[in-house]
C-alpha atoms as a PDB file:
ATOM      1  CA  MET A   1      39.265  17.728  33.368  1.00  0.00           C
ATOM      2  CA  LEU A   2      42.770  18.471  32.087  1.00  0.00           C
ATOM      3  CA  VAL A   3      41.984  21.991  30.860  1.00  0.00           C
ATOM      4  CA  SER A   4      39.612  23.002  33.662  1.00  0.00           C
ATOM      5  CA  ASN A   5      41.943  21.706  36.381  1.00  0.00           C
ATOM      6  CA  ALA A   6      44.939  23.379  34.754  1.00  0.00           C
ATOM      7  CA  LEU A   7      43.010  26.647  34.776  1.00  0.00           C
ATOM      8  CA  VAL A   8      42.078  26.229  38.445  1.00  0.00           C
ATOM      9  CA  GLY A   9      45.667  25.312  39.326  1.00  0.00           C
ATOM     10  CA  LEU A  10      46.950  28.348  37.435  1.00  0.00           C
ATOM     11  CA  ARG A  11      44.543  30.716  39.155  1.00  0.00           C
ATOM     12  CA  GLU A  12      45.093  29.355  42.655  1.00  0.00           C
ATOM     13  CA  GLY A  13      48.836  28.995  42.170  1.00  0.00           C
ATOM     14  CA  LEU A  14      49.270  32.499  40.803  1.00  0.00           C
ATOM     15  CA  GLU A  15      47.434  34.017  43.749  1.00  0.00           C
ATOM     16  CA  ALA A  16      49.879  32.280  46.107  1.00  0.00           C
ATOM     17  CA  ALA A  17      52.828  33.203  43.875  1.00  0.00           C
ATOM     18  CA  LEU A  18      51.852  36.887  43.944  1.00  0.00           C
ATOM     19  CA  VAL A  19      51.808  36.789  47.752  1.00  0.00           C
ATOM     20  CA  VAL A  20      55.391  35.507  47.701  1.00  0.00           C
ATOM     21  CA  VAL A  21      56.447  38.068  45.071  1.00  0.00           C
ATOM     22  CA  ILE A  22      55.026  40.953  47.091  1.00  0.00           C
ATOM     23  CA  LEU A  23      56.687  39.828  50.325  1.00  0.00           C
ATOM     24  CA  LEU A  24      60.110  39.146  48.801  1.00  0.00           C
ATOM     25  CA  ALA A  25      60.140  42.305  46.719  1.00  0.00           C
ATOM     26  CA  PHE A  26      59.208  44.416  49.732  1.00  0.00           C
ATOM     27  CA  LEU A  27      62.087  42.951  51.747  1.00  0.00           C
ATOM     28  CA  VAL A  28      64.578  43.527  48.938  1.00  0.00           C
ATOM     29  CA  ARG A  29      63.343  47.055  48.261  1.00  0.00           C
ATOM     30  CA  THR A  30      63.592  48.031  51.945  1.00  0.00           C
ATOM     31  CA  GLY A  31      67.020  46.457  52.451  1.00  0.00           C
ATOM     32  CA  ARG A  32      65.902  43.630  54.734  1.00  0.00           C
ATOM     33  CA  GLU A  33      67.162  40.701  52.687  1.00  0.00           C
ATOM     34  CA  GLY A  34      68.106  38.877  55.881  1.00  0.00           C
ATOM     35  CA  SER A  35      64.423  38.093  56.462  1.00  0.00           C
ATOM     36  CA  VAL A  36      63.946  36.472  53.057  1.00  0.00           C
ATOM     37  CA  ARG A  37      64.782  33.047  54.488  1.00  0.00           C
ATOM     38  CA  HIS A  38      62.054  33.467  57.098  1.00  0.00           C
ATOM     39  CA  VAL A  39      59.519  34.175  54.362  1.00  0.00           C
ATOM     40  CA  TRP A  40      60.601  31.016  52.565  1.00  0.00           C
ATOM     41  CA  LEU A  41      60.275  29.095  55.835  1.00  0.00           C
ATOM     42  CA  GLY A  42      56.648  30.181  56.121  1.00  0.00           C
ATOM     43  CA  VAL A  43      55.997  29.453  52.442  1.00  0.00           C
ATOM     44  CA  GLY A  44      57.552  25.985  52.727  1.00  0.00           C
ATOM     45  CA  ALA A  45      55.466  25.148  55.797  1.00  0.00           C
ATOM     46  CA  ALA A  46      52.269  26.309  54.054  1.00  0.00           C
ATOM     47  CA  VAL A  47      53.027  24.272  50.923  1.00  0.00           C
ATOM     48  CA  ALA A  48      53.863  21.166  52.982  1.00  0.00           C
ATOM     49  CA  LEU A  49      50.678  21.448  55.036  1.00  0.00           C
ATOM     50  CA  SER A  50      48.538  21.994  51.929  1.00  0.00           C
ATOM     51  CA  ALA A  51      50.121  19.021  50.136  1.00  0.00           C
ATOM     52  CA  ALA A  52      49.612  16.837  53.193  1.00  0.00           C
ATOM     53  CA  LEU A  53      45.966  17.850  53.481  1.00  0.00           C
ATOM     54  CA  GLY A  54      45.376  17.187  49.795  1.00  0.00           C
ATOM     55  CA  ALA A  55      47.069  13.763  50.050  1.00  0.00           C
ATOM     56  CA  VAL A  56      45.126  12.765  53.166  1.00  0.00           C
ATOM     57  CA  LEU A  57      41.799  13.773  51.636  1.00  0.00           C
ATOM     58  CA  THR A  58      42.513  12.204  48.237  1.00  0.00           C
ATOM     59  CA  PHE A  59      44.222   8.971  49.257  1.00  0.00           C
ATOM     60  CA  GLY A  60      43.330   8.579  52.930  1.00  0.00           C
ATOM     61  CA  THR A  61      39.578   8.293  52.475  1.00  0.00           C
ATOM     62  CA  GLY A  62      39.669   5.347  50.085  1.00  0.00           C
ATOM     63  CA  GLU A  63      39.627   2.732  52.858  1.00  0.00           C
ATOM     64  CA  LEU A  64      36.696   4.218  54.732  1.00  0.00           C
ATOM     65  CA  GLU A  65      33.218   2.753  54.767  1.00  0.00           C
ATOM     66  CA  GLU A  66      31.390   3.789  51.587  1.00  0.00           C
ATOM     67  CA  ARG A  67      28.795   6.010  53.257  1.00  0.00           C
ATOM     68  CA  THR A  68      31.473   7.762  55.318  1.00  0.00           C
ATOM     69  CA  GLU A  69      33.576   8.297  52.206  1.00  0.00           C
ATOM     70  CA  GLU A  70      30.603   9.794  50.363  1.00  0.00           C
ATOM     71  CA  LEU A  71      29.784  12.015  53.316  1.00  0.00           C
ATOM     72  CA  ILE A  72      33.350  13.317  53.541  1.00  0.00           C
ATOM     73  CA  GLY A  73      33.442  13.873  49.785  1.00  0.00           C
ATOM     74  CA  GLY A  74      30.200  15.834  49.844  1.00  0.00           C
ATOM     75  CA  ILE A  75      31.102  18.008  52.822  1.00  0.00           C
ATOM     76  CA  ALA A  76      34.641  18.702  51.565  1.00  0.00           C
ATOM     77  CA  SER A  77      33.242  19.682  48.174  1.00  0.00           C
ATOM     78  CA  LEU A  78      30.756  22.071  49.784  1.00  0.00           C
ATOM     79  CA  VAL A  79      33.560  23.660  51.799  1.00  0.00           C
ATOM     80  CA  ALA A  80      35.676  23.955  48.643  1.00  0.00           C
ATOM     81  CA  VAL A  81      32.853  25.720  46.793  1.00  0.00           C
ATOM     82  CA  ALA A  82      32.315  28.085  49.725  1.00  0.00           C
ATOM     83  CA  LEU A  83      36.036  28.911  49.944  1.00  0.00           C
ATOM     84  CA  VAL A  84      36.449  29.462  46.217  1.00  0.00           C
ATOM     85  CA  THR A  85      33.338  31.640  46.018  1.00  0.00           C
ATOM     86  CA  THR A  86      34.477  33.723  48.977  1.00  0.00           C
ATOM     87  CA  MET A  87      37.988  34.073  47.575  1.00  0.00           C
ATOM     88  CA  ILE A  88      37.041  35.246  44.084  1.00  0.00           C
ATOM     89  CA  PHE A  89      34.732  37.910  45.495  1.00  0.00           C
ATOM     90  CA  TRP A  90      37.334  38.881  48.086  1.00  0.00           C
ATOM     91  CA  MET A  91      40.030  39.294  45.418  1.00  0.00           C
ATOM     92  CA  ARG A  92      37.563  41.343  43.387  1.00  0.00           C
ATOM     93  CA  SER A  93      36.765  43.644  46.313  1.00  0.00           C
ATOM     94  CA  VAL A  94      40.165  44.230  47.941  1.00  0.00           C
ATOM     95  CA  GLY A  95      41.742  45.184  44.629  1.00  0.00           C
ATOM     96  CA  ARG A  96      44.332  47.890  45.040  1.00  0.00           C
ATOM     97  CA  SER A  97      44.582  47.585  48.826  1.00  0.00           C
ATOM     98  CA  PHE A  98      45.681  43.934  48.784  1.00  0.00           C
ATOM     99  CA  ALA A  99      49.432  44.470  48.407  1.00  0.00           C
ATOM    100  CA  ARG A 100      49.451  47.470  50.724  1.00  0.00           C
ATOM    101  CA  GLU A 101      47.759  45.489  53.482  1.00  0.00           C
ATOM    102  CA  LEU A 102      50.073  42.511  52.967  1.00  0.00           C
ATOM    103  CA  THR A 103      53.268  44.583  53.098  1.00  0.00           C
ATOM    104  CA  GLY A 104      51.864  46.458  56.099  1.00  0.00           C
ATOM    105  CA  ARG A 105      51.474  43.169  57.983  1.00  0.00           C
ATOM    106  CA  LEU A 106      54.992  42.157  56.997  1.00  0.00           C
ATOM    107  CA  ASP A 107      56.402  45.497  58.101  1.00  0.00           C
ATOM    108  CA  ARG A 108      54.826  45.067  61.535  1.00  0.00           C
ATOM    109  CA  ALA A 109      55.991  41.450  61.733  1.00  0.00           C
ATOM    110  CA  LEU A 110      59.593  42.526  61.102  1.00  0.00           C
ATOM    111  CA  THR A 111      59.564  44.365  64.417  1.00  0.00           C
ATOM    112  CA  LEU A 112      58.386  41.229  66.235  1.00  0.00           C
ATOM    113  CA  GLY A 113      60.925  38.736  64.947  1.00  0.00           C
ATOM    114  CA  PRO A 114      61.553  35.862  62.513  1.00  0.00           C
ATOM    115  CA  LEU A 115      58.592  33.736  63.602  1.00  0.00           C
ATOM    116  CA  ALA A 116      56.189  36.597  62.960  1.00  0.00           C
ATOM    117  CA  VAL A 117      57.648  37.101  59.475  1.00  0.00           C
ATOM    118  CA  ALA A 118      57.302  33.374  58.745  1.00  0.00           C
ATOM    119  CA  ALA A 119      53.731  33.491  60.062  1.00  0.00           C
ATOM    120  CA  VAL A 120      52.763  36.263  57.616  1.00  0.00           C
ATOM    121  CA  ALA A 121      54.050  34.172  54.707  1.00  0.00           C
ATOM    122  CA  PHE A 122      52.466  31.013  56.106  1.00  0.00           C
ATOM    123  CA  VAL A 123      49.022  32.583  56.450  1.00  0.00           C
ATOM    124  CA  GLY A 124      49.186  34.328  53.056  1.00  0.00           C
ATOM    125  CA  VAL A 125      50.182  31.208  51.137  1.00  0.00           C
ATOM    126  CA  GLY A 126      48.406  28.744  53.420  1.00  0.00           C
ATOM    127  CA  ARG A 127      45.023  30.326  52.767  1.00  0.00           C
ATOM    128  CA  GLU A 128      45.451  29.649  49.064  1.00  0.00           C
ATOM    129  CA  GLY A 129      46.908  26.222  49.808  1.00  0.00           C
ATOM    130  CA  LEU A 130      43.958  25.134  51.939  1.00  0.00           C
ATOM    131  CA  GLU A 131      41.549  26.214  49.236  1.00  0.00           C
ATOM    132  CA  SER A 132      43.627  24.435  46.579  1.00  0.00           C
ATOM    133  CA  ALA A 133      43.839  21.198  48.587  1.00  0.00           C
ATOM    134  CA  LEU A 134      40.073  21.026  49.031  1.00  0.00           C
ATOM    135  CA  PHE A 135      39.418  21.929  45.410  1.00  0.00           C
ATOM    136  CA  PHE A 136      41.997  19.381  44.229  1.00  0.00           C
ATOM    137  CA  PHE A 137      40.272  16.676  46.267  1.00  0.00           C
ATOM    138  CA  ALA A 138      36.855  17.644  44.941  1.00  0.00           C
ATOM    139  CA  THR A 139      37.882  17.812  41.281  1.00  0.00           C
ATOM    140  CA  VAL A 140      39.891  14.573  41.360  1.00  0.00           C
ATOM    141  CA  ARG A 141      37.199  12.679  43.249  1.00  0.00           C
ATOM    142  CA  SER A 142      34.429  13.877  40.928  1.00  0.00           C
ATOM    143  CA  ALA A 143      36.171  12.297  37.924  1.00  0.00           C
ATOM    144  CA  PRO A 144      37.418   8.877  39.092  1.00  0.00           C
ATOM    145  CA  ASP A 145      37.084   7.446  35.577  1.00  0.00           C
ATOM    146  CA  GLN A 146      39.647   9.879  34.111  1.00  0.00           C
ATOM    147  CA  GLY A 147      42.711   8.423  35.816  1.00  0.00           C
ATOM    148  CA  ILE A 148      45.567  10.841  36.376  1.00  0.00           C
ATOM    149  CA  THR A 149      44.167  13.479  34.014  1.00  0.00           C
ATOM    150  CA  PRO A 150      42.698  15.740  36.745  1.00  0.00           C
ATOM    151  CA  ALA A 151      45.928  15.592  38.780  1.00  0.00           C
ATOM    152  CA  LEU A 152      47.995  16.236  35.650  1.00  0.00           C
ATOM    153  CA  GLY A 153      45.900  19.315  34.917  1.00  0.00           C
ATOM    154  CA  TRP A 154      46.620  20.656  38.393  1.00  0.00           C
ATOM    155  CA  LEU A 155      50.360  20.059  37.985  1.00  0.00           C
ATOM    156  CA  ILE A 156      50.386  21.900  34.657  1.00  0.00           C
ATOM    157  CA  GLY A 157      48.481  24.854  36.113  1.00  0.00           C
ATOM    158  CA  LEU A 158      50.651  25.093  39.217  1.00  0.00           C
ATOM    159  CA  GLY A 159      53.810  24.817  37.106  1.00  0.00           C
ATOM    160  CA  LEU A 160      52.651  27.696  34.917  1.00  0.00           C
ATOM    161  CA  ALA A 161      51.798  29.729  38.031  1.00  0.00           C
ATOM    162  CA  VAL A 162      55.284  29.250  39.478  1.00  0.00           C
ATOM    163  CA  ALA A 163      56.882  30.207  36.156  1.00  0.00           C
ATOM    164  CA  LEU A 164      54.728  33.332  35.889  1.00  0.00           C
ATOM    165  CA  GLY A 165      55.504  34.262  39.488  1.00  0.00           C
ATOM    166  CA  VAL A 166      59.234  34.054  38.831  1.00  0.00           C
ATOM    167  CA  ALA A 167      58.873  36.044  35.608  1.00  0.00           C
ATOM    168  CA  VAL A 168      56.865  38.763  37.369  1.00  0.00           C
ATOM    169  CA  TYR A 169      59.423  39.004  40.167  1.00  0.00           C
ATOM    170  CA  ARG A 170      62.302  39.329  37.724  1.00  0.00           C
ATOM    171  CA  GLY A 171      60.427  41.912  35.687  1.00  0.00           C
ATOM    172  CA  ALA A 172      60.293  39.727  32.581  1.00  0.00           C
ATOM    173  CA  VAL A 173      56.536  39.999  32.185  1.00  0.00           C
ATOM    174  CA  ARG A 174      53.685  42.215  33.291  1.00  0.00           C
ATOM    175  CA  ILE A 175      50.220  40.768  33.686  1.00  0.00           C
ATOM    176  CA  ASP A 176      46.915  42.524  33.269  1.00  0.00           C
ATOM    177  CA  LEU A 177      45.631  41.159  36.568  1.00  0.00           C
ATOM    178  CA  ALA A 178      42.258  42.850  36.308  1.00  0.00           C
ATOM    179  CA  ARG A 179      41.456  40.937  33.149  1.00  0.00           C
ATOM    180  CA  PHE A 180      43.203  37.754  34.291  1.00  0.00           C
ATOM    181  CA  PHE A 181      41.321  37.504  37.584  1.00  0.00           C
ATOM    182  CA  ARG A 182      38.021  38.524  35.977  1.00  0.00           C
ATOM    183  CA  TRP A 183      38.010  35.769  33.366  1.00  0.00           C
ATOM    184  CA  THR A 184      39.660  33.064  35.434  1.00  0.00           C
ATOM    185  CA  GLY A 185      37.242  33.968  38.229  1.00  0.00           C
ATOM    186  CA  ALA A 186      34.314  33.472  35.861  1.00  0.00           C
ATOM    187  CA  ALA A 187      35.769  30.110  34.830  1.00  0.00           C
ATOM    188  CA  LEU A 188      36.150  29.172  38.499  1.00  0.00           C
ATOM    189  CA  VAL A 189      32.456  29.922  39.036  1.00  0.00           C
ATOM    190  CA  VAL A 190      31.590  27.411  36.299  1.00  0.00           C
ATOM    191  CA  VAL A 191      33.926  24.796  37.807  1.00  0.00           C
ATOM    192  CA  ALA A 192      32.553  25.473  41.303  1.00  0.00           C
ATOM    193  CA  ALA A 193      29.000  24.955  40.045  1.00  0.00           C
ATOM    194  CA  GLY A 194      30.005  21.497  38.861  1.00  0.00           C
ATOM    195  CA  ILE A 195      31.656  20.739  42.198  1.00  0.00           C
ATOM    196  CA  LEU A 196      28.476  21.842  43.977  1.00  0.00           C
ATOM    197  CA  ALA A 197      26.427  19.453  41.824  1.00  0.00           C
ATOM    198  CA  TYR A 198      28.903  16.699  42.688  1.00  0.00           C
ATOM    199  CA  ALA A 199      28.597  17.549  46.412  1.00  0.00           C
ATOM    200  CA  VAL A 200      24.819  17.187  46.175  1.00  0.00           C
ATOM    201  CA  HIS A 201      25.262  13.835  44.393  1.00  0.00           C
ATOM    202  CA  GLU A 202      27.582  12.518  47.113  1.00  0.00           C
ATOM    203  CA  LEU A 203      25.287  13.674  49.911  1.00  0.00           C
ATOM    204  CA  GLN A 204      22.346  12.029  48.153  1.00  0.00           C
ATOM    205  CA  GLU A 205      24.266   8.767  47.920  1.00  0.00           C
ATOM    206  CA  ALA A 206      25.151   9.081  51.605  1.00  0.00           C
ATOM    207  CA  GLY A 207      21.454   9.459  52.415  1.00  0.00           C
ATOM    208  CA  VAL A 208      21.753  13.003  53.752  1.00  0.00           C
ATOM    209  CA  LEU A 209      19.800  14.611  50.911  1.00  0.00           C
ATOM    210  CA  PRO A 210      16.694  13.137  49.225  1.00  0.00           C
ATOM    211  CA  GLY A 211      15.878  12.636  45.562  1.00  0.00           C
ATOM    212  CA  GLU A 212      18.741  10.436  44.390  1.00  0.00           C
ATOM    213  CA  GLN A 213      16.404   8.510  42.057  1.00  0.00           C
ATOM    214  CA  SER A 214      14.452  11.592  40.887  1.00  0.00           C
ATOM    215  CA  TYR A 215      16.242  12.282  37.617  1.00  0.00           C
ATOM    216  CA  ALA A 216      16.085  15.549  35.743  1.00  0.00           C
ATOM    217  CA  PHE A 217      17.277  13.769  32.608  1.00  0.00           C
ATOM    218  CA  ASP A 218      18.783  10.483  31.481  1.00  0.00           C
ATOM    219  CA  LEU A 219      20.746  10.798  28.244  1.00  0.00           C
ATOM    220  CA  ARG A 220      22.719   7.582  28.505  1.00  0.00           C
ATOM    221  CA  GLY A 221      20.910   6.314  25.430  1.00  0.00           C
ATOM    222  CA  VAL A 222      22.030   9.396  23.508  1.00  0.00           C
ATOM    223  CA  PHE A 223      25.606   9.798  24.801  1.00  0.00           C
ATOM    224  CA  ASP A 224      27.916   7.017  25.814  1.00  0.00           C
ATOM    225  CA  PRO A 225      28.919   7.896  29.417  1.00  0.00           C
ATOM    226  CA  ALA A 226      32.479   6.882  28.563  1.00  0.00           C
ATOM    227  CA  GLY A 227      32.443   8.460  25.087  1.00  0.00           C
ATOM    228  CA  PRO A 228      34.265  11.631  23.992  1.00  0.00           C
ATOM    229  CA  VAL A 229      31.216  13.945  24.098  1.00  0.00           C
ATOM    230  CA  ALA A 230      30.238  12.946  27.636  1.00  0.00           C
ATOM    231  CA  THR A 231      33.878  13.092  28.743  1.00  0.00           C
ATOM    232  CA  VAL A 232      34.331  16.646  27.436  1.00  0.00           C
ATOM    233  CA  ILE A 233      31.064  17.864  29.007  1.00  0.00           C
ATOM    234  CA  ARG A 234      31.958  16.281  32.323  1.00  0.00           C
ATOM    235  CA  GLY A 235      35.493  17.603  32.143  1.00  0.00           C
ATOM    236  CA  VAL A 236      34.387  21.188  31.586  1.00  0.00           C
ATOM    237  CA  PHE A 237      31.052  21.415  33.421  1.00  0.00           C
ATOM    238  CA  ASN A 238      31.094  18.284  35.652  1.00  0.00           C
ATOM    239  CA  LEU A 239      27.745  17.271  34.212  1.00  0.00           C
ATOM    240  CA  ARG A 240      26.916  13.595  33.646  1.00  0.00           C
ATOM    241  CA  PRO A 241      24.476  11.983  31.157  1.00  0.00           C
ATOM    242  CA  ARG A 242      22.135  11.172  34.046  1.00  0.00           C
ATOM    243  CA  MET A 243      21.600  13.602  36.916  1.00  0.00           C
ATOM    244  CA  ALA A 244      19.069  14.068  39.684  1.00  0.00           C
ATOM    245  CA  VAL A 245      16.759  17.082  39.839  1.00  0.00           C
ATOM    246  CA  LEU A 246      18.447  18.396  42.981  1.00  0.00           C
ATOM    247  CA  GLU A 247      21.911  18.181  41.375  1.00  0.00           C
ATOM    248  CA  VAL A 248      20.854  20.102  38.286  1.00  0.00           C
ATOM    249  CA  GLY A 249      18.934  22.617  40.388  1.00  0.00           C
ATOM    250  CA  ALA A 250      21.974  23.312  42.582  1.00  0.00           C
ATOM    251  CA  TRP A 251      24.227  23.668  39.520  1.00  0.00           C
ATOM    252  CA  ALA A 252      21.851  26.037  37.714  1.00  0.00           C
ATOM    253  CA  ALA A 253      20.989  28.103  40.800  1.00  0.00           C
ATOM    254  CA  TYR A 254      24.647  28.640  41.643  1.00  0.00           C
ATOM    255  CA  LEU A 255      25.476  29.778  38.114  1.00  0.00           C
ATOM    256  CA  LEU A 256      22.418  32.028  37.773  1.00  0.00           C
ATOM    257  CA  VAL A 257      23.136  33.789  41.061  1.00  0.00           C
ATOM    258  CA  VAL A 258      26.926  33.843  41.416  1.00  0.00           C
ATOM    259  CA  LEU A 259      28.081  34.442  37.838  1.00  0.00           C
ATOM    260  CA  PRO A 260      26.075  37.670  37.217  1.00  0.00           C
ATOM    261  CA  LEU A 261      27.113  38.999  40.634  1.00  0.00           C
ATOM    262  CA  PHE A 262      30.756  38.325  39.884  1.00  0.00           C
ATOM    263  CA  LEU A 263      30.696  39.786  36.367  1.00  0.00           C
ATOM    264  CA  ARG A 264      28.927  43.005  37.280  1.00  0.00           C
ATOM    265  CA  ARG A 265      31.047  46.144  37.097  1.00  0.00           C
ATOM    266  CA  PRO A 266      33.465  46.266  40.047  1.00  0.00           C
ATOM    267  CA  SER A 267      33.712  49.224  42.375  1.00  0.00           C
ATOM    268  CA  ALA A 268      36.475  51.796  42.115  1.00  0.00           C
ATOM    269  CA  GLY A 269      38.608  49.704  44.467  1.00  0.00           C
ATOM    270  CA  GLY A 270      38.426  46.675  42.193  1.00  0.00           C
ATOM    271  CA  PRO A 271      41.250  44.535  40.887  1.00  0.00           C
ATOM    272  CA  PRO A 272      44.422  46.102  39.583  1.00  0.00           C
ATOM    273  CA  ALA A 273      45.481  46.714  36.042  1.00  0.00           C
ATOM    274  CA  GLU A 274      48.950  45.180  36.213  1.00  0.00           C
ATOM    275  CA  ALA A 275      51.209  43.114  38.392  1.00  0.00           C
ATOM    276  CA  PRO A 276      54.347  45.041  39.343  1.00  0.00           C
ATOM    277  CA  THR A 277      57.843  43.861  38.719  1.00  0.00           C
ATOM    278  CA  GLY A 278      59.490  42.555  41.860  1.00  0.00           C
ATOM    279  CA  SER A 279      62.609  44.693  41.930  1.00  0.00           C
ATOM    280  CA  ALA A 280      60.658  47.945  41.642  1.00  0.00           C
ATOM    281  CA  LEU A 281      57.995  47.127  44.204  1.00  0.00           C
ATOM    282  CA  VAL A 282      57.356  49.701  46.900  1.00  0.00           C
ATOM    283  CA  THR A 283      54.209  50.339  48.854  1.00  0.00           C
ATOM    284  CA  GLU A 284      52.860  52.832  46.341  1.00  0.00           C
ATOM    285  CA  SER A 285      53.415  50.697  43.272  1.00  0.00           C
ATOM    286  CA  ALA A 286      52.229  47.624  45.164  1.00  0.00           C
ATOM    287  CA  GLU A 287      48.767  49.113  45.010  1.00  0.00           C
ATOM    288  CA  ARG A 288      48.641  47.949  41.414  1.00  0.00           C
ATOM    289  CA  VAL A 289      48.821  44.257  42.423  1.00  0.00           C
END
């Protein structure tokens, strides 16, 4: 779970970081530095709300009745899979228009006042934050036997995302975003498939879905569920030594449908080739984000 969660945290965190980079760089480039604090106000509110949601979901459901806890875990995991799937295809489709649309909204908000500017930042970062909070809950809950490892993976990924965001803004690095989002998106599809299987498992335990005792395989006699092989497989694919038919079917169906669709050749308006440096960002060059 350490590596997969770090990857998810990096992907989700970098998307939010690029929103902040685009907004701040646009303000600096157009001589409106006075509104930078309003952007940070919106970013801070979005981060606080996302952290609160993640904490409530992760730690606030532990005292609930078992069936209710399983039901919440299953539904939240389904929502997380839906959000992640929508987001990776959305990022793939908007491509070059993403930064232009974002700076266009900010430009209009500047004529309305500070609250509108903060709202643009809040919505841009909050969308990623909501997705991250749900995905954090799902990935941590699906691996209760791995202690703090899933959470540590998220912290590593988010830390790397912040560092990359700062480096991009200062012009220290340039990122091939087309390649980055393509391969991290493919990895997210694999992770999401595991979360979907976990959602099915939780809903079966809650009695919402049938077939909890109809096992597709039981390899507990081959692999120790707590051993290194089973731990690695569960950490990467969220597969357990014993799984129900419906769990495996959901996992396989999601991968067989979503992964080929995502990896097919994007349209001409697909993702960009490079992330721009912050100080040089204008509307035209923002099209490369």
